[in-house]
């Protein structure tokens, strides 16, 4: 698996995303723009991107926290402060997210890796909230999949949503971080916007079921390898239906 770092700037600040793909495969593949969880671009999220990419996709991992953020040790409180602050700043999410997508797409195109007509997005935890804000504002992804999304509802409910593609949300029935009422509100929003949407709730699953190493059942977060792989199969089926 190849890992190609991609530097870009937003509002004068440096960021560094990553293009991840199997370099033994020839031919163009769909692109998957990935908004990682609150750890940002680091070894853990790059490994997740590799798992998603396999031989079928080129995964473009966005940096929304600044170059070098992912390699620094942080406390739970520091992670929460950074994630919540970013999630509340929708202009930043839309501006930096668009720059990230453009820079990563340009890098993948320069390597002749991706099919421009087959662009998808995914997001994990708070990154799922970032991804939803982007597609809510009209980001042109054919399909978007969010895993155990945090803060799925719009920060500013006033602007009319402008979804352009399909949406799949994969969620845990025992997720206290994003309770059922928030997922029901997301479903209502997608219905009103006439989006082709699906929400699948896994019984007994907790938050972060795709985040390897998560082991905090008392806090409602627990990695589940079998469920993670099942959710990836559902993602792949969703993309195959779309493309």
Protein backbone atom coordinates (compact mmCIF):
# COMPACT_ATOMS: atom_id res chain seq x y z
CA UNK A 1 0.00 0.00 0.00
CA UNK A 2 1.30 3.41 -0.96
CA UNK A 3 1.06 6.46 1.30
CA UNK A 4 1.52 9.80 -0.45
CA UNK A 5 1.53 12.88 1.82
CA UNK A 6 -0.13 15.95 0.33
CA UNK A 7 0.57 19.40 1.77
CA UNK A 8 -1.86 22.29 1.41
CA UNK A 9 -2.72 25.56 3.10
CA UNK A 10 -5.94 27.05 4.36
CA UNK A 11 -6.20 30.59 5.70
CA UNK A 12 -2.40 30.77 5.91
CA UNK A 13 -2.04 27.62 8.03
CA UNK A 14 -0.30 24.41 6.88
CA UNK A 15 -2.13 21.09 6.60
CA UNK A 16 -1.02 17.68 5.35
CA UNK A 17 -3.40 14.98 4.11
CA UNK A 18 -2.60 11.57 2.70
CA UNK A 19 -3.43 9.61 -0.46
CA UNK A 20 -3.58 5.87 0.24
CA UNK A 21 -3.88 3.14 -2.40
CA UNK A 22 -2.63 -0.26 -3.54
CA UNK A 23 0.12 0.55 -6.01
CA UNK A 24 0.13 -2.98 -7.43
CA UNK A 25 -3.21 -2.30 -9.13
CA UNK A 26 -3.36 -0.61 -12.52
CA UNK A 27 -6.28 1.36 -13.83
CA UNK A 28 -8.36 4.13 -12.33
CA UNK A 29 -10.47 3.55 -9.25
CA UNK A 30 -13.18 5.47 -7.39
CA UNK A 31 -11.90 8.06 -4.95
CA UNK A 32 -12.99 8.05 -1.31
CA UNK A 33 -12.50 11.35 0.52
CA UNK A 34 -12.06 10.42 4.19
CA UNK A 35 -12.71 12.62 7.20
CA UNK A 36 -10.96 10.73 10.04
CA UNK A 37 -11.92 10.84 13.70
CA UNK A 38 -10.52 13.28 16.25
CA UNK A 39 -7.04 11.75 16.05
CA UNK A 40 -6.52 13.45 12.69
CA UNK A 41 -4.00 12.12 10.17
CA UNK A 42 -1.85 9.61 12.07
CA UNK A 43 -0.69 6.00 11.86
CA UNK A 44 -3.99 4.76 13.24
CA UNK A 45 -6.19 6.61 10.72
CA UNK A 46 -3.87 5.85 7.79
CA UNK A 47 -4.19 2.15 8.67
CA UNK A 48 -7.97 2.59 8.64
CA UNK A 49 -7.69 4.18 5.20
CA UNK A 50 -5.68 1.20 3.99
CA UNK A 51 -8.36 -1.16 5.26
CA UNK A 52 -11.01 0.79 3.37
CA UNK A 53 -8.97 1.17 0.18
CA UNK A 54 -7.98 -2.43 -0.41
CA UNK A 55 -7.57 -2.97 -4.13
CA UNK A 56 -10.75 -1.14 -5.05
CA UNK A 57 -10.44 2.51 -3.98
CA UNK A 58 -8.05 5.41 -3.63
CA UNK A 59 -8.61 6.89 -0.16
CA UNK A 60 -7.79 10.56 0.36
CA UNK A 61 -7.41 11.35 4.07
CA UNK A 62 -8.21 14.95 4.99
CA UNK A 63 -6.30 16.93 7.59
CA UNK A 64 -8.61 19.32 9.44
CA UNK A 65 -6.46 19.98 12.50
CA UNK A 66 -3.15 21.19 11.07
CA UNK A 67 0.10 19.61 9.91
CA UNK A 68 1.70 17.49 12.60
CA UNK A 69 -1.42 17.36 14.79
CA UNK A 70 -1.83 13.59 14.43
CA UNK A 71 1.67 12.69 15.58
CA UNK A 72 1.45 14.55 18.91
CA UNK A 73 0.30 12.78 22.06
CA UNK A 74 -2.90 14.33 23.39
CA UNK A 75 -5.14 13.85 26.39
CA UNK A 76 -8.81 12.95 26.03
CA UNK A 77 -9.66 16.51 27.01
CA UNK A 78 -7.33 17.97 24.37
CA UNK A 79 -8.84 15.74 21.69
CA UNK A 80 -12.35 16.78 22.71
CA UNK A 81 -11.51 20.47 22.75
CA UNK A 82 -10.00 20.34 19.25
CA UNK A 83 -12.83 18.25 17.81
CA UNK A 84 -15.67 20.28 19.33
CA UNK A 85 -14.07 23.57 18.34
CA UNK A 86 -13.68 22.46 14.75
CA UNK A 87 -17.19 20.98 14.60
CA UNK A 88 -18.71 24.27 15.72
CA UNK A 89 -16.93 26.24 12.97
CA UNK A 90 -18.91 25.39 9.85
CA UNK A 91 -17.21 28.00 7.61
CA UNK A 92 -13.88 26.37 8.49
CA UNK A 93 -15.23 22.86 7.86
CA UNK A 94 -16.52 23.88 4.45
CA UNK A 95 -13.49 25.98 3.49
CA UNK A 96 -10.74 23.69 4.73
CA UNK A 97 -12.65 20.58 3.67
CA UNK A 98 -13.00 21.89 0.12
CA UNK A 99 -9.31 22.80 -0.06
CA UNK A 100 -8.37 19.36 1.28
CA UNK A 101 -10.54 17.60 -1.29
CA UNK A 102 -9.18 19.72 -4.13
CA UNK A 103 -5.54 19.19 -3.12
CA UNK A 104 -5.90 15.46 -2.54
CA UNK A 105 -7.86 14.99 -5.76
CA UNK A 106 -5.24 16.91 -7.72
CA UNK A 107 -2.49 14.73 -6.28
CA UNK A 108 -4.40 11.55 -7.12
CA UNK A 109 -5.12 12.82 -10.63
CA UNK A 110 -1.45 13.63 -11.15
CA UNK A 111 -0.73 9.96 -10.40
CA UNK A 112 -3.56 8.98 -12.81
CA UNK A 113 -5.30 6.98 -10.08
CA UNK A 114 -8.94 8.02 -9.93
CA UNK A 115 -12.10 8.06 -12.00
CA UNK A 116 -13.53 11.56 -11.67
CA UNK A 117 -17.10 10.29 -12.12
CA UNK A 118 -16.83 8.00 -9.10
CA UNK A 119 -16.22 10.21 -6.08
CA UNK A 120 -17.40 9.19 -2.62
CA UNK A 121 -16.84 10.38 0.94
CA UNK A 122 -16.68 8.70 4.34
CA UNK A 123 -16.35 9.97 7.89
CA UNK A 124 -15.76 8.52 11.33
CA UNK A 125 -17.07 9.92 14.61
CA UNK A 126 -16.59 13.70 14.57
CA UNK A 127 -15.20 13.36 11.04
CA UNK A 128 -18.59 12.02 10.05
CA UNK A 129 -20.09 15.27 11.26
CA UNK A 130 -17.56 17.18 9.15
CA UNK A 131 -18.43 15.08 6.08
CA UNK A 132 -22.16 15.60 6.58
CA UNK A 133 -21.70 19.37 6.78
CA UNK A 134 -19.78 19.24 3.49
CA UNK A 135 -22.42 17.22 1.63
CA UNK A 136 -25.19 19.24 3.29
CA UNK A 137 -23.62 22.31 1.68
CA UNK A 138 -23.44 20.72 -1.76
CA UNK A 139 -20.09 18.90 -1.93
CA UNK A 140 -20.31 16.81 -5.08
CA UNK A 141 -19.90 13.24 -3.81
CA UNK A 142 -21.99 10.53 -5.42
CA UNK A 143 -22.22 8.67 -2.10
CA UNK A 144 -21.34 9.44 1.51
CA UNK A 145 -21.00 6.89 4.32
CA UNK A 146 -20.59 7.82 7.98
CA UNK A 147 -19.57 5.40 10.73
CA UNK A 148 -20.68 5.97 14.34
CA UNK A 149 -21.07 9.65 13.51
CA UNK A 150 -20.71 12.31 16.21
CA UNK A 151 -22.84 15.49 15.96
CA UNK A 152 -24.69 14.50 12.76
CA UNK A 153 -27.14 17.39 12.82
CA UNK A 154 -26.45 20.81 11.25
CA UNK A 155 -24.79 23.42 13.43
CA UNK A 156 -26.82 26.06 11.59
CA UNK A 157 -30.23 24.66 10.57
CA UNK A 158 -31.25 27.78 8.63
CA UNK A 159 -29.58 27.31 5.23
CA UNK A 160 -31.49 24.98 2.91
CA UNK A 161 -29.65 21.67 2.58
CA UNK A 162 -28.15 20.93 -0.84
CA UNK A 163 -27.34 17.22 -0.80
CA UNK A 164 -26.22 15.94 -4.21
CA UNK A 165 -25.63 12.24 -3.57
CA UNK A 166 -26.78 9.25 -1.57
CA UNK A 167 -26.13 8.90 2.18
CA UNK A 168 -25.59 5.82 4.34
CA UNK A 169 -25.19 6.06 8.11
CA UNK A 170 -23.97 3.01 10.04
CA UNK A 171 -24.58 3.39 13.75
CA UNK A 172 -24.60 1.56 17.05
CA UNK A 173 -27.80 1.01 18.98
CA UNK A 174 -25.90 1.40 22.26
CA UNK A 175 -24.04 4.57 21.24
CA UNK A 176 -24.47 7.18 24.00
CA UNK A 177 -22.33 9.76 22.19
CA UNK A 178 -24.91 10.12 19.41
CA UNK A 179 -28.26 8.96 20.78
CA UNK A 180 -31.15 7.72 18.67
CA UNK A 181 -32.93 11.09 18.66
CA UNK A 182 -30.03 12.68 16.76
CA UNK A 183 -30.06 9.90 14.16
CA UNK A 184 -33.84 10.25 13.81
CA UNK A 185 -33.37 13.97 13.21
CA UNK A 186 -30.77 13.20 10.53
CA UNK A 187 -33.19 10.80 8.85
CA UNK A 188 -35.92 13.45 8.93
CA UNK A 189 -33.56 16.02 7.41
CA UNK A 190 -32.52 13.66 4.62
CA UNK A 191 -36.14 12.78 3.90
CA UNK A 192 -37.13 16.43 3.69
CA UNK A 193 -34.20 17.07 1.34
CA UNK A 194 -35.39 14.16 -0.85
CA UNK A 195 -32.09 12.33 -0.47
CA UNK A 196 -31.69 8.63 -1.24
CA UNK A 197 -30.68 7.64 2.30
CA UNK A 198 -30.26 4.64 4.57
CA UNK A 199 -29.58 4.44 8.30
CA UNK A 200 -28.59 1.06 9.69
CA UNK A 201 -28.48 0.58 13.44
CA UNK A 202 -26.52 -2.37 14.83
CA UNK A 203 -28.03 -3.80 18.00
CA UNK A 204 -25.84 -3.52 21.13
CA UNK A 205 -23.00 -1.82 19.19
CA UNK A 206 -21.25 1.05 20.92
CA UNK A 207 -19.54 4.18 19.65
CA UNK A 208 -16.24 3.81 17.73
CA UNK A 209 -16.88 0.22 16.65
CA UNK A 210 -14.48 0.79 13.71
CA UNK A 211 -11.71 2.40 15.78
CA UNK A 212 -9.21 -0.33 16.62
CA UNK A 213 -7.94 -0.17 20.20
CA UNK A 214 -11.03 1.56 21.60
CA UNK A 215 -11.95 -0.20 24.83
CA UNK A 216 -14.12 1.96 27.06
CA UNK A 217 -17.44 0.14 27.45
CA UNK A 218 -18.23 2.09 30.61
CA UNK A 219 -18.11 5.24 28.48
CA UNK A 220 -20.03 3.64 25.62
CA UNK A 221 -17.13 3.18 23.17
CA UNK A 222 -15.85 -0.22 22.05
CA UNK A 223 -14.07 -1.55 18.95
CA UNK A 224 -15.74 -4.52 17.26
CA UNK A 225 -13.61 -6.02 14.49
CA UNK A 226 -16.35 -8.25 13.05
CA UNK A 227 -18.84 -5.38 12.98
CA UNK A 228 -16.28 -3.02 11.47
CA UNK A 229 -15.65 -5.41 8.60
CA UNK A 230 -19.39 -5.94 8.16
CA UNK A 231 -19.88 -2.19 7.95
CA UNK A 232 -17.13 -1.97 5.32
CA UNK A 233 -18.87 -4.65 3.26
CA UNK A 234 -22.07 -2.60 3.47
CA UNK A 235 -20.12 0.49 2.41
CA UNK A 236 -18.71 -1.35 -0.59
CA UNK A 237 -22.16 -2.60 -1.59
CA UNK A 238 -23.50 0.95 -1.28
CA UNK A 239 -20.73 2.29 -3.50
CA UNK A 240 -21.25 -0.53 -6.03
CA UNK A 241 -24.97 0.33 -6.24
CA UNK A 242 -24.09 3.98 -6.73
CA UNK A 243 -21.33 3.66 -9.32
